[in-house]
All heavy atoms as atom14 arrays in JSON, in Angstrom:
{
  "sequence": "VDMYQQPGHLIRRAQQVHNQLWAAEVSSDVTSTQFAVLSAIAVNPATD",
  "atom14_mask": [
    [1, 1, 1, 1, 1, 1, 1, 0, 0, 0, 0, 0, 0, 0],
    [1, 1, 1, 1, 1, 1, 1, 1, 0, 0, 0, 0, 0, 0],
    [1, 1, 1, 1, 1, 1, 1, 1, 0, 0, 0, 0, 0, 0],
    [1, 1, 1, 1, 1, 1, 1, 1, 1, 1, 1, 1, 0, 0],
    [1, 1, 1, 1, 1, 1, 1, 1, 1, 0, 0, 0, 0, 0],
    [1, 1, 1, 1, 1, 1, 1, 1, 1, 0, 0, 0, 0, 0],
    [1, 1, 1, 1, 1, 1, 1, 0, 0, 0, 0, 0, 0, 0],
    [1, 1, 1, 1, 0, 0, 0, 0, 0, 0, 0, 0, 0, 0],
    [1, 1, 1, 1, 1, 1, 1, 1, 1, 1, 0, 0, 0, 0],
    [1, 1, 1, 1, 1, 1, 1, 1, 0, 0, 0, 0, 0, 0],
    [1, 1, 1, 1, 1, 1, 1, 1, 0, 0, 0, 0, 0, 0],
    [1, 1, 1, 1, 1, 1, 1, 1, 1, 1, 1, 0, 0, 0],
    [1, 1, 1, 1, 1, 1, 1, 1, 1, 1, 1, 0, 0, 0],
    [1, 1, 1, 1, 1, 0, 0, 0, 0, 0, 0, 0, 0, 0],
    [1, 1, 1, 1, 1, 1, 1, 1, 1, 0, 0, 0, 0, 0],
    [1, 1, 1, 1, 1, 1, 1, 1, 1, 0, 0, 0, 0, 0],
    [1, 1, 1, 1, 1, 1, 1, 0, 0, 0, 0, 0, 0, 0],
    [1, 1, 1, 1, 1, 1, 1, 1, 1, 1, 0, 0, 0, 0],
    [1, 1, 1, 1, 1, 1, 1, 1, 0, 0, 0, 0, 0, 0],
    [1, 1, 1, 1, 1, 1, 1, 1, 1, 0, 0, 0, 0, 0],
    [1, 1, 1, 1, 1, 1, 1, 1, 0, 0, 0, 0, 0, 0],
    [1, 1, 1, 1, 1, 1, 1, 1, 1, 1, 1, 1, 1, 1],
    [1, 1, 1, 1, 1, 0, 0, 0, 0, 0, 0, 0, 0, 0],
    [1, 1, 1, 1, 1, 0, 0, 0, 0, 0, 0, 0, 0, 0],
    [1, 1, 1, 1, 1, 1, 1, 1, 1, 0, 0, 0, 0, 0],
    [1, 1, 1, 1, 1, 1, 1, 0, 0, 0, 0, 0, 0, 0],
    [1, 1, 1, 1, 1, 1, 0, 0, 0, 0, 0, 0, 0, 0],
    [1, 1, 1, 1, 1, 1, 0, 0, 0, 0, 0, 0, 0, 0],
    [1, 1, 1, 1, 1, 1, 1, 1, 0, 0, 0, 0, 0, 0],
    [1, 1, 1, 1, 1, 1, 1, 0, 0, 0, 0, 0, 0, 0],
    [1, 1, 1, 1, 1, 1, 1, 0, 0, 0, 0, 0, 0, 0],
    [1, 1, 1, 1, 1, 1, 0, 0, 0, 0, 0, 0, 0, 0],
    [1, 1, 1, 1, 1, 1, 1, 0, 0, 0, 0, 0, 0, 0],
    [1, 1, 1, 1, 1, 1, 1, 1, 1, 0, 0, 0, 0, 0],
    [1, 1, 1, 1, 1, 1, 1, 1, 1, 1, 1, 0, 0, 0],
    [1, 1, 1, 1, 1, 0, 0, 0, 0, 0, 0, 0, 0, 0],
    [1, 1, 1, 1, 1, 1, 1, 0, 0, 0, 0, 0, 0, 0],
    [1, 1, 1, 1, 1, 1, 1, 1, 0, 0, 0, 0, 0, 0],
    [1, 1, 1, 1, 1, 1, 0, 0, 0, 0, 0, 0, 0, 0],
    [1, 1, 1, 1, 1, 0, 0, 0, 0, 0, 0, 0, 0, 0],
    [1, 1, 1, 1, 1, 1, 1, 1, 0, 0, 0, 0, 0, 0],
    [1, 1, 1, 1, 1, 0, 0, 0, 0, 0, 0, 0, 0, 0],
    [1, 1, 1, 1, 1, 1, 1, 0, 0, 0, 0, 0, 0, 0],
    [1, 1, 1, 1, 1, 1, 1, 1, 0, 0, 0, 0, 0, 0],
    [1, 1, 1, 1, 1, 1, 1, 0, 0, 0, 0, 0, 0, 0],
    [1, 1, 1, 1, 1, 0, 0, 0, 0, 0, 0, 0, 0, 0],
    [1, 1, 1, 1, 1, 1, 1, 0, 0, 0, 0, 0, 0, 0],
    [1, 1, 1, 1, 1, 1, 1, 1, 0, 0, 0, 0, 0, 0]
  ],
  "atom14_positions": [
    [[112.39, 117.35, 83.76], [111.8, 115.99, 83.68], [112.68, 115.02, 84.13], [113.88, 114.82, 83.47], [111.22, 115.69, 82.25], [110.73, 114.25, 82.15], [110.08, 116.63, 81.92], [0.0, 0.0, 0.0], [0.0, 0.0, 0.0], [0.0, 0.0, 0.0], [0.0, 0.0, 0.0], [0.0, 0.0, 0.0], [0.0, 0.0, 0.0], [0.0, 0.0, 0.0]],
    [[112.5, 114.32, 85.14], [113.26, 113.15, 85.69], [112.63, 111.93, 85.09], [111.53, 111.44, 85.47], [113.31, 113.15, 87.16], [114.12, 112.0, 87.81], [114.64, 111.17, 87.0], [114.26, 112.05, 89.03], [0.0, 0.0, 0.0], [0.0, 0.0, 0.0], [0.0, 0.0, 0.0], [0.0, 0.0, 0.0], [0.0, 0.0, 0.0], [0.0, 0.0, 0.0]],
    [[113.32, 111.22, 84.11], [112.79, 110.01, 83.49], [112.52, 108.88, 84.56], [111.67, 108.17, 84.35], [113.82, 109.5, 82.44], [113.92, 110.57, 81.2], [112.34, 110.84, 80.39], [111.79, 109.26, 79.92], [0.0, 0.0, 0.0], [0.0, 0.0, 0.0], [0.0, 0.0, 0.0], [0.0, 0.0, 0.0], [0.0, 0.0, 0.0], [0.0, 0.0, 0.0]],
    [[113.26, 108.92, 85.57], [113.04, 107.85, 86.62], [111.85, 108.19, 87.54], [111.59, 107.37, 88.48], [114.39, 107.57, 87.37], [115.28, 106.72, 86.44], [116.21, 107.34, 85.66], [115.13, 105.42, 86.31], [117.05, 106.63, 84.71], [115.9, 104.56, 85.5], [116.82, 105.29, 84.76], [117.61, 104.51, 83.77], [0.0, 0.0, 0.0], [0.0, 0.0, 0.0]],
    [[111.09, 109.18, 87.19], [109.82, 109.48, 87.93], [108.79, 109.35, 86.92], [107.6, 109.66, 87.28], [109.87, 110.88, 88.54], [110.96, 111.16, 89.63], [110.7, 110.06, 90.71], [109.64, 109.98, 91.29], [111.83, 109.39, 91.26], [0.0, 0.0, 0.0], [0.0, 0.0, 0.0], [0.0, 0.0, 0.0], [0.0, 0.0, 0.0], [0.0, 0.0, 0.0]],
    [[108.99, 108.93, 85.69], [108.01, 108.8, 84.63], [107.57, 107.3, 84.52], [108.34, 106.45, 84.14], [108.54, 109.34, 83.39], [109.05, 110.71, 83.35], [107.88, 111.74, 83.74], [106.79, 111.57, 83.2], [108.17, 112.58, 84.7], [0.0, 0.0, 0.0], [0.0, 0.0, 0.0], [0.0, 0.0, 0.0], [0.0, 0.0, 0.0], [0.0, 0.0, 0.0]],
    [[106.24, 106.99, 84.74], [105.89, 105.64, 84.78], [106.17, 104.98, 83.4], [106.49, 103.75, 83.37], [104.33, 105.77, 84.95], [104.14, 106.95, 85.72], [105.17, 108.02, 85.18], [0.0, 0.0, 0.0], [0.0, 0.0, 0.0], [0.0, 0.0, 0.0], [0.0, 0.0, 0.0], [0.0, 0.0, 0.0], [0.0, 0.0, 0.0], [0.0, 0.0, 0.0]],
    [[105.85, 105.63, 82.25], [106.21, 105.01, 80.94], [107.66, 104.54, 80.88], [107.91, 103.41, 80.26], [0.0, 0.0, 0.0], [0.0, 0.0, 0.0], [0.0, 0.0, 0.0], [0.0, 0.0, 0.0], [0.0, 0.0, 0.0], [0.0, 0.0, 0.0], [0.0, 0.0, 0.0], [0.0, 0.0, 0.0], [0.0, 0.0, 0.0], [0.0, 0.0, 0.0]],
    [[108.51, 105.47, 81.25], [110.01, 105.05, 81.12], [110.31, 103.93, 82.08], [110.99, 102.99, 81.67], [110.84, 106.25, 81.69], [112.35, 105.94, 81.57], [113.03, 105.85, 80.44], [113.12, 105.81, 82.54], [114.26, 105.58, 80.77], [114.36, 105.55, 82.12], [0.0, 0.0, 0.0], [0.0, 0.0, 0.0], [0.0, 0.0, 0.0], [0.0, 0.0, 0.0]],
    [[109.67, 103.86, 83.32], [109.98, 102.82, 84.23], [109.24, 101.46, 83.69], [109.84, 100.46, 83.95], [109.43, 103.13, 85.56], [110.23, 104.33, 86.29], [109.55, 104.78, 87.5], [111.68, 103.89, 86.53], [0.0, 0.0, 0.0], [0.0, 0.0, 0.0], [0.0, 0.0, 0.0], [0.0, 0.0, 0.0], [0.0, 0.0, 0.0], [0.0, 0.0, 0.0]],
    [[108.13, 101.58, 83.14], [107.55, 100.36, 82.6], [108.4, 99.69, 81.45], [108.59, 98.58, 81.38], [106.04, 100.67, 82.04], [105.1, 100.88, 83.31], [105.55, 99.62, 81.26], [103.85, 101.43, 82.93], [0.0, 0.0, 0.0], [0.0, 0.0, 0.0], [0.0, 0.0, 0.0], [0.0, 0.0, 0.0], [0.0, 0.0, 0.0], [0.0, 0.0, 0.0]],
    [[108.96, 100.68, 80.61], [109.87, 100.19, 79.57], [111.07, 99.69, 80.17], [111.56, 98.45, 79.68], [110.18, 101.41, 78.55], [111.09, 101.01, 77.35], [111.51, 102.14, 76.59], [112.24, 103.06, 77.31], [113.6, 102.95, 77.71], [114.28, 101.79, 77.19], [114.19, 103.8, 78.3], [0.0, 0.0, 0.0], [0.0, 0.0, 0.0], [0.0, 0.0, 0.0]],
    [[111.66, 100.21, 81.18], [112.84, 99.67, 81.78], [112.62, 98.37, 82.39], [113.36, 97.36, 82.32], [113.48, 100.56, 82.75], [114.05, 101.8, 82.14], [115.33, 101.57, 81.42], [116.32, 100.98, 82.35], [117.04, 99.85, 82.35], [116.91, 99.17, 81.26], [117.82, 99.53, 83.26], [0.0, 0.0, 0.0], [0.0, 0.0, 0.0], [0.0, 0.0, 0.0]],
    [[111.41, 98.23, 83.06], [111.06, 96.98, 83.74], [110.84, 95.85, 82.71], [111.33, 94.69, 83.01], [109.79, 97.19, 84.68], [0.0, 0.0, 0.0], [0.0, 0.0, 0.0], [0.0, 0.0, 0.0], [0.0, 0.0, 0.0], [0.0, 0.0, 0.0], [0.0, 0.0, 0.0], [0.0, 0.0, 0.0], [0.0, 0.0, 0.0], [0.0, 0.0, 0.0]],
    [[110.4, 96.29, 81.55], [110.11, 95.26, 80.52], [111.6, 94.86, 79.93], [111.8, 93.59, 79.62], [109.32, 95.82, 79.26], [109.13, 94.96, 78.19], [108.34, 93.66, 78.48], [107.4, 93.72, 79.3], [108.71, 92.4, 78.07], [0.0, 0.0, 0.0], [0.0, 0.0, 0.0], [0.0, 0.0, 0.0], [0.0, 0.0, 0.0], [0.0, 0.0, 0.0]],
    [[112.57, 95.67, 79.85], [113.9, 95.41, 79.53], [114.45, 94.36, 80.63], [115.08, 93.34, 80.16], [114.73, 96.6, 79.4], [114.43, 97.38, 78.21], [115.28, 98.71, 78.16], [115.66, 99.29, 79.27], [115.74, 99.11, 76.98], [0.0, 0.0, 0.0], [0.0, 0.0, 0.0], [0.0, 0.0, 0.0], [0.0, 0.0, 0.0], [0.0, 0.0, 0.0]],
    [[114.24, 94.67, 81.92], [114.72, 93.68, 82.9], [114.09, 92.36, 82.73], [114.71, 91.3, 82.8], [114.54, 94.37, 84.31], [114.88, 93.33, 85.43], [115.41, 95.65, 84.38], [0.0, 0.0, 0.0], [0.0, 0.0, 0.0], [0.0, 0.0, 0.0], [0.0, 0.0, 0.0], [0.0, 0.0, 0.0], [0.0, 0.0, 0.0], [0.0, 0.0, 0.0]],
    [[112.7, 92.31, 82.57], [112.01, 91.11, 82.39], [112.51, 90.35, 81.13], [112.88, 89.11, 81.34], [110.56, 91.4, 82.09], [109.83, 90.27, 81.75], [109.47, 89.9, 80.42], [109.1, 89.32, 82.51], [108.81, 88.73, 80.45], [108.51, 88.43, 81.58], [0.0, 0.0, 0.0], [0.0, 0.0, 0.0], [0.0, 0.0, 0.0], [0.0, 0.0, 0.0]],
    [[112.85, 91.1, 80.01], [113.37, 90.24, 78.9], [114.72, 89.68, 79.12], [114.99, 88.58, 78.7], [113.41, 91.3, 77.65], [112.09, 91.63, 77.15], [111.07, 91.02, 77.37], [111.95, 92.64, 76.38], [0.0, 0.0, 0.0], [0.0, 0.0, 0.0], [0.0, 0.0, 0.0], [0.0, 0.0, 0.0], [0.0, 0.0, 0.0], [0.0, 0.0, 0.0]],
    [[115.54, 90.47, 79.84], [116.92, 89.99, 80.15], [116.81, 88.72, 81.05], [117.45, 87.69, 80.91], [117.72, 91.02, 80.84], [118.06, 92.1, 79.81], [118.66, 93.41, 80.49], [118.54, 93.52, 81.81], [119.31, 94.27, 79.84], [0.0, 0.0, 0.0], [0.0, 0.0, 0.0], [0.0, 0.0, 0.0], [0.0, 0.0, 0.0], [0.0, 0.0, 0.0]],
    [[115.9, 88.76, 82.11], [115.74, 87.58, 82.92], [115.12, 86.48, 82.32], [115.56, 85.26, 82.53], [114.91, 88.05, 84.27], [115.57, 88.75, 85.28], [114.56, 89.28, 86.3], [116.61, 87.94, 85.95], [0.0, 0.0, 0.0], [0.0, 0.0, 0.0], [0.0, 0.0, 0.0], [0.0, 0.0, 0.0], [0.0, 0.0, 0.0], [0.0, 0.0, 0.0]],
    [[114.12, 86.77, 81.37], [113.57, 85.65, 80.67], [114.46, 84.83, 79.89], [114.6, 83.61, 79.91], [112.43, 86.21, 79.7], [111.68, 85.1, 79.0], [112.07, 84.53, 77.93], [110.54, 84.49, 79.47], [111.13, 83.51, 77.57], [110.16, 83.42, 78.49], [109.66, 84.61, 80.58], [109.06, 82.63, 78.61], [108.5, 83.85, 80.68], [108.28, 82.8, 79.74]],
    [[115.37, 85.65, 79.13], [116.45, 84.92, 78.2], [117.49, 83.99, 79.21], [117.84, 83.04, 78.79], [117.14, 85.95, 77.37], [0.0, 0.0, 0.0], [0.0, 0.0, 0.0], [0.0, 0.0, 0.0], [0.0, 0.0, 0.0], [0.0, 0.0, 0.0], [0.0, 0.0, 0.0], [0.0, 0.0, 0.0], [0.0, 0.0, 0.0], [0.0, 0.0, 0.0]],
    [[117.78, 84.65, 80.27], [118.79, 84.0, 81.18], [118.29, 82.97, 81.99], [118.92, 81.91, 82.16], [119.45, 85.09, 82.02], [0.0, 0.0, 0.0], [0.0, 0.0, 0.0], [0.0, 0.0, 0.0], [0.0, 0.0, 0.0], [0.0, 0.0, 0.0], [0.0, 0.0, 0.0], [0.0, 0.0, 0.0], [0.0, 0.0, 0.0], [0.0, 0.0, 0.0]],
    [[116.96, 83.08, 82.51], [116.47, 82.18, 83.51], [115.37, 81.1, 82.95], [115.2, 80.04, 83.56], [115.85, 82.91, 84.68], [116.72, 83.95, 85.23], [117.8, 83.27, 86.17], [117.54, 82.17, 86.73], [118.83, 83.88, 86.34], [0.0, 0.0, 0.0], [0.0, 0.0, 0.0], [0.0, 0.0, 0.0], [0.0, 0.0, 0.0], [0.0, 0.0, 0.0]],
    [[114.76, 81.55, 81.85], [113.6, 80.67, 81.37], [113.98, 80.04, 80.13], [113.98, 78.81, 80.07], [112.38, 81.59, 81.28], [111.16, 80.72, 80.81], [112.02, 82.29, 82.68], [0.0, 0.0, 0.0], [0.0, 0.0, 0.0], [0.0, 0.0, 0.0], [0.0, 0.0, 0.0], [0.0, 0.0, 0.0], [0.0, 0.0, 0.0], [0.0, 0.0, 0.0]],
    [[114.07, 80.86, 79.03], [114.26, 80.19, 77.75], [114.92, 81.25, 76.8], [114.37, 82.41, 76.72], [113.01, 79.77, 77.1], [113.26, 79.05, 75.79], [0.0, 0.0, 0.0], [0.0, 0.0, 0.0], [0.0, 0.0, 0.0], [0.0, 0.0, 0.0], [0.0, 0.0, 0.0], [0.0, 0.0, 0.0], [0.0, 0.0, 0.0], [0.0, 0.0, 0.0]],
    [[115.87, 80.9, 75.98], [116.43, 81.58, 74.92], [115.73, 81.18, 73.54], [115.87, 81.89, 72.58], [117.88, 81.54, 74.8], [118.3, 80.18, 74.62], [0.0, 0.0, 0.0], [0.0, 0.0, 0.0], [0.0, 0.0, 0.0], [0.0, 0.0, 0.0], [0.0, 0.0, 0.0], [0.0, 0.0, 0.0], [0.0, 0.0, 0.0], [0.0, 0.0, 0.0]],
    [[114.89, 80.09, 73.64], [114.31, 79.59, 72.47], [112.71, 79.94, 72.4], [112.24, 79.98, 71.34], [114.42, 78.04, 72.41], [115.95, 77.59, 72.27], [116.61, 78.33, 71.64], [116.18, 76.5, 72.85], [0.0, 0.0, 0.0], [0.0, 0.0, 0.0], [0.0, 0.0, 0.0], [0.0, 0.0, 0.0], [0.0, 0.0, 0.0], [0.0, 0.0, 0.0]],
    [[112.07, 80.05, 73.42], [110.68, 80.36, 73.54], [110.56, 81.74, 74.17], [110.99, 81.96, 75.44], [109.86, 79.29, 74.35], [108.33, 79.67, 74.44], [110.06, 77.92, 73.69], [0.0, 0.0, 0.0], [0.0, 0.0, 0.0], [0.0, 0.0, 0.0], [0.0, 0.0, 0.0], [0.0, 0.0, 0.0], [0.0, 0.0, 0.0], [0.0, 0.0, 0.0]],
    [[110.06, 82.68, 73.5], [109.76, 83.93, 73.96], [108.66, 84.03, 74.96], [107.77, 83.16, 75.02], [109.49, 85.1, 72.85], [108.2, 84.71, 72.41], [110.51, 84.9, 71.82], [0.0, 0.0, 0.0], [0.0, 0.0, 0.0], [0.0, 0.0, 0.0], [0.0, 0.0, 0.0], [0.0, 0.0, 0.0], [0.0, 0.0, 0.0], [0.0, 0.0, 0.0]],
    [[108.57, 85.17, 75.81], [107.48, 85.24, 76.76], [106.09, 85.38, 76.03], [105.05, 84.91, 76.57], [107.82, 86.41, 77.62], [107.81, 87.63, 76.97], [0.0, 0.0, 0.0], [0.0, 0.0, 0.0], [0.0, 0.0, 0.0], [0.0, 0.0, 0.0], [0.0, 0.0, 0.0], [0.0, 0.0, 0.0], [0.0, 0.0, 0.0], [0.0, 0.0, 0.0]],
    [[106.21, 85.99, 74.82], [104.95, 86.09, 74.01], [104.44, 84.6, 73.49], [103.37, 84.34, 73.63], [105.1, 87.04, 72.75], [105.48, 88.24, 73.2], [103.84, 86.98, 71.91], [0.0, 0.0, 0.0], [0.0, 0.0, 0.0], [0.0, 0.0, 0.0], [0.0, 0.0, 0.0], [0.0, 0.0, 0.0], [0.0, 0.0, 0.0], [0.0, 0.0, 0.0]],
    [[105.36, 83.81, 73.06], [105.14, 82.44, 72.68], [104.53, 81.7, 73.95], [103.72, 80.83, 73.94], [106.32, 81.85, 72.12], [106.76, 82.32, 70.68], [108.07, 81.83, 70.26], [108.95, 81.39, 71.03], [108.29, 81.9, 68.94], [0.0, 0.0, 0.0], [0.0, 0.0, 0.0], [0.0, 0.0, 0.0], [0.0, 0.0, 0.0], [0.0, 0.0, 0.0]],
    [[105.16, 81.82, 75.07], [104.82, 81.19, 76.34], [103.38, 81.63, 76.6], [102.58, 80.77, 77.06], [105.73, 81.6, 77.46], [105.29, 80.99, 78.83], [105.37, 79.64, 79.05], [104.82, 81.8, 79.71], [104.95, 79.09, 80.22], [104.34, 81.32, 81.02], [104.43, 79.91, 81.22], [0.0, 0.0, 0.0], [0.0, 0.0, 0.0], [0.0, 0.0, 0.0]],
    [[103.02, 82.94, 76.52], [101.61, 83.46, 76.72], [100.63, 82.62, 75.81], [99.6, 82.25, 76.27], [101.47, 84.98, 76.44], [0.0, 0.0, 0.0], [0.0, 0.0, 0.0], [0.0, 0.0, 0.0], [0.0, 0.0, 0.0], [0.0, 0.0, 0.0], [0.0, 0.0, 0.0], [0.0, 0.0, 0.0], [0.0, 0.0, 0.0], [0.0, 0.0, 0.0]],
    [[101.03, 82.36, 74.58], [100.17, 81.61, 73.74], [100.05, 80.16, 74.23], [98.92, 79.56, 74.18], [100.64, 81.76, 72.21], [99.94, 80.63, 71.38], [100.44, 83.24, 71.66], [0.0, 0.0, 0.0], [0.0, 0.0, 0.0], [0.0, 0.0, 0.0], [0.0, 0.0, 0.0], [0.0, 0.0, 0.0], [0.0, 0.0, 0.0], [0.0, 0.0, 0.0]],
    [[101.18, 79.53, 74.54], [101.2, 78.15, 74.93], [100.3, 78.07, 76.25], [99.51, 77.16, 76.39], [102.49, 77.71, 75.31], [103.5, 77.47, 74.12], [104.97, 77.08, 74.55], [102.98, 76.38, 73.2], [0.0, 0.0, 0.0], [0.0, 0.0, 0.0], [0.0, 0.0, 0.0], [0.0, 0.0, 0.0], [0.0, 0.0, 0.0], [0.0, 0.0, 0.0]],
    [[100.37, 79.12, 77.14], [99.69, 79.09, 78.32], [98.1, 79.2, 78.09], [97.46, 78.39, 78.73], [100.19, 80.29, 79.23], [99.45, 80.37, 80.42], [0.0, 0.0, 0.0], [0.0, 0.0, 0.0], [0.0, 0.0, 0.0], [0.0, 0.0, 0.0], [0.0, 0.0, 0.0], [0.0, 0.0, 0.0], [0.0, 0.0, 0.0], [0.0, 0.0, 0.0]],
    [[97.81, 80.05, 77.15], [96.38, 80.28, 76.92], [95.71, 78.94, 76.23], [94.66, 78.6, 76.63], [96.31, 81.5, 75.93], [0.0, 0.0, 0.0], [0.0, 0.0, 0.0], [0.0, 0.0, 0.0], [0.0, 0.0, 0.0], [0.0, 0.0, 0.0], [0.0, 0.0, 0.0], [0.0, 0.0, 0.0], [0.0, 0.0, 0.0], [0.0, 0.0, 0.0]],
    [[96.56, 78.32, 75.41], [96.07, 77.07, 74.88], [96.07, 75.91, 75.94], [95.04, 75.08, 75.99], [96.9, 76.62, 73.74], [96.72, 77.68, 72.58], [96.52, 75.24, 73.18], [97.73, 77.57, 71.41], [0.0, 0.0, 0.0], [0.0, 0.0, 0.0], [0.0, 0.0, 0.0], [0.0, 0.0, 0.0], [0.0, 0.0, 0.0], [0.0, 0.0, 0.0]],
    [[96.9, 75.85, 76.83], [96.97, 74.87, 77.87], [95.78, 75.09, 78.72], [95.11, 74.14, 79.15], [98.27, 74.99, 78.8], [0.0, 0.0, 0.0], [0.0, 0.0, 0.0], [0.0, 0.0, 0.0], [0.0, 0.0, 0.0], [0.0, 0.0, 0.0], [0.0, 0.0, 0.0], [0.0, 0.0, 0.0], [0.0, 0.0, 0.0], [0.0, 0.0, 0.0]],
    [[95.39, 76.31, 79.04], [94.22, 76.56, 79.91], [92.83, 76.29, 79.07], [91.84, 75.88, 79.78], [94.17, 77.97, 80.43], [92.95, 78.44, 81.08], [95.44, 78.18, 81.34], [0.0, 0.0, 0.0], [0.0, 0.0, 0.0], [0.0, 0.0, 0.0], [0.0, 0.0, 0.0], [0.0, 0.0, 0.0], [0.0, 0.0, 0.0], [0.0, 0.0, 0.0]],
    [[92.85, 76.65, 77.76], [91.73, 76.42, 76.96], [92.05, 75.6, 75.74], [92.21, 76.16, 74.64], [91.2, 77.79, 76.56], [90.67, 78.67, 77.66], [89.7, 78.23, 78.46], [91.28, 79.89, 77.81], [0.0, 0.0, 0.0], [0.0, 0.0, 0.0], [0.0, 0.0, 0.0], [0.0, 0.0, 0.0], [0.0, 0.0, 0.0], [0.0, 0.0, 0.0]],
    [[92.19, 74.34, 75.97], [92.5, 73.46, 74.9], [91.51, 73.51, 73.67], [90.2, 73.77, 74.0], [92.54, 72.0, 75.42], [92.52, 72.19, 76.78], [92.03, 73.56, 77.29], [0.0, 0.0, 0.0], [0.0, 0.0, 0.0], [0.0, 0.0, 0.0], [0.0, 0.0, 0.0], [0.0, 0.0, 0.0], [0.0, 0.0, 0.0], [0.0, 0.0, 0.0]],
    [[91.87, 73.27, 72.47], [90.84, 73.38, 71.39], [90.31, 74.68, 71.18], [89.18, 74.79, 70.98], [89.87, 72.18, 71.43], [0.0, 0.0, 0.0], [0.0, 0.0, 0.0], [0.0, 0.0, 0.0], [0.0, 0.0, 0.0], [0.0, 0.0, 0.0], [0.0, 0.0, 0.0], [0.0, 0.0, 0.0], [0.0, 0.0, 0.0], [0.0, 0.0, 0.0]],
    [[91.15, 75.78, 71.32], [90.63, 77.08, 71.2], [91.04, 77.53, 69.72], [91.87, 77.08, 69.11], [91.32, 78.1, 72.16], [90.68, 79.31, 72.14], [92.74, 78.17, 71.93], [0.0, 0.0, 0.0], [0.0, 0.0, 0.0], [0.0, 0.0, 0.0], [0.0, 0.0, 0.0], [0.0, 0.0, 0.0], [0.0, 0.0, 0.0], [0.0, 0.0, 0.0]],
    [[90.17, 78.53, 69.28], [90.45, 79.01, 67.8], [91.38, 80.19, 68.02], [91.55, 80.88, 69.14], [89.18, 79.4, 67.16], [88.41, 80.55, 67.87], [88.72, 81.64, 67.58], [87.53, 80.3, 68.72], [0.0, 0.0, 0.0], [0.0, 0.0, 0.0], [0.0, 0.0, 0.0], [0.0, 0.0, 0.0], [0.0, 0.0, 0.0], [0.0, 0.0, 0.0]]
  ]
}
């Protein structure tokens, strides 16, 4: 088994790269999950 041919492993590694870039380039205070929530509320104000 070559881990670098396994989609699950590559998805996990891509998420690690995303997290590193997020902290370095976007925000170390607001997580990408928090941003998703802010984004959803910005698109749909007064949502429950």
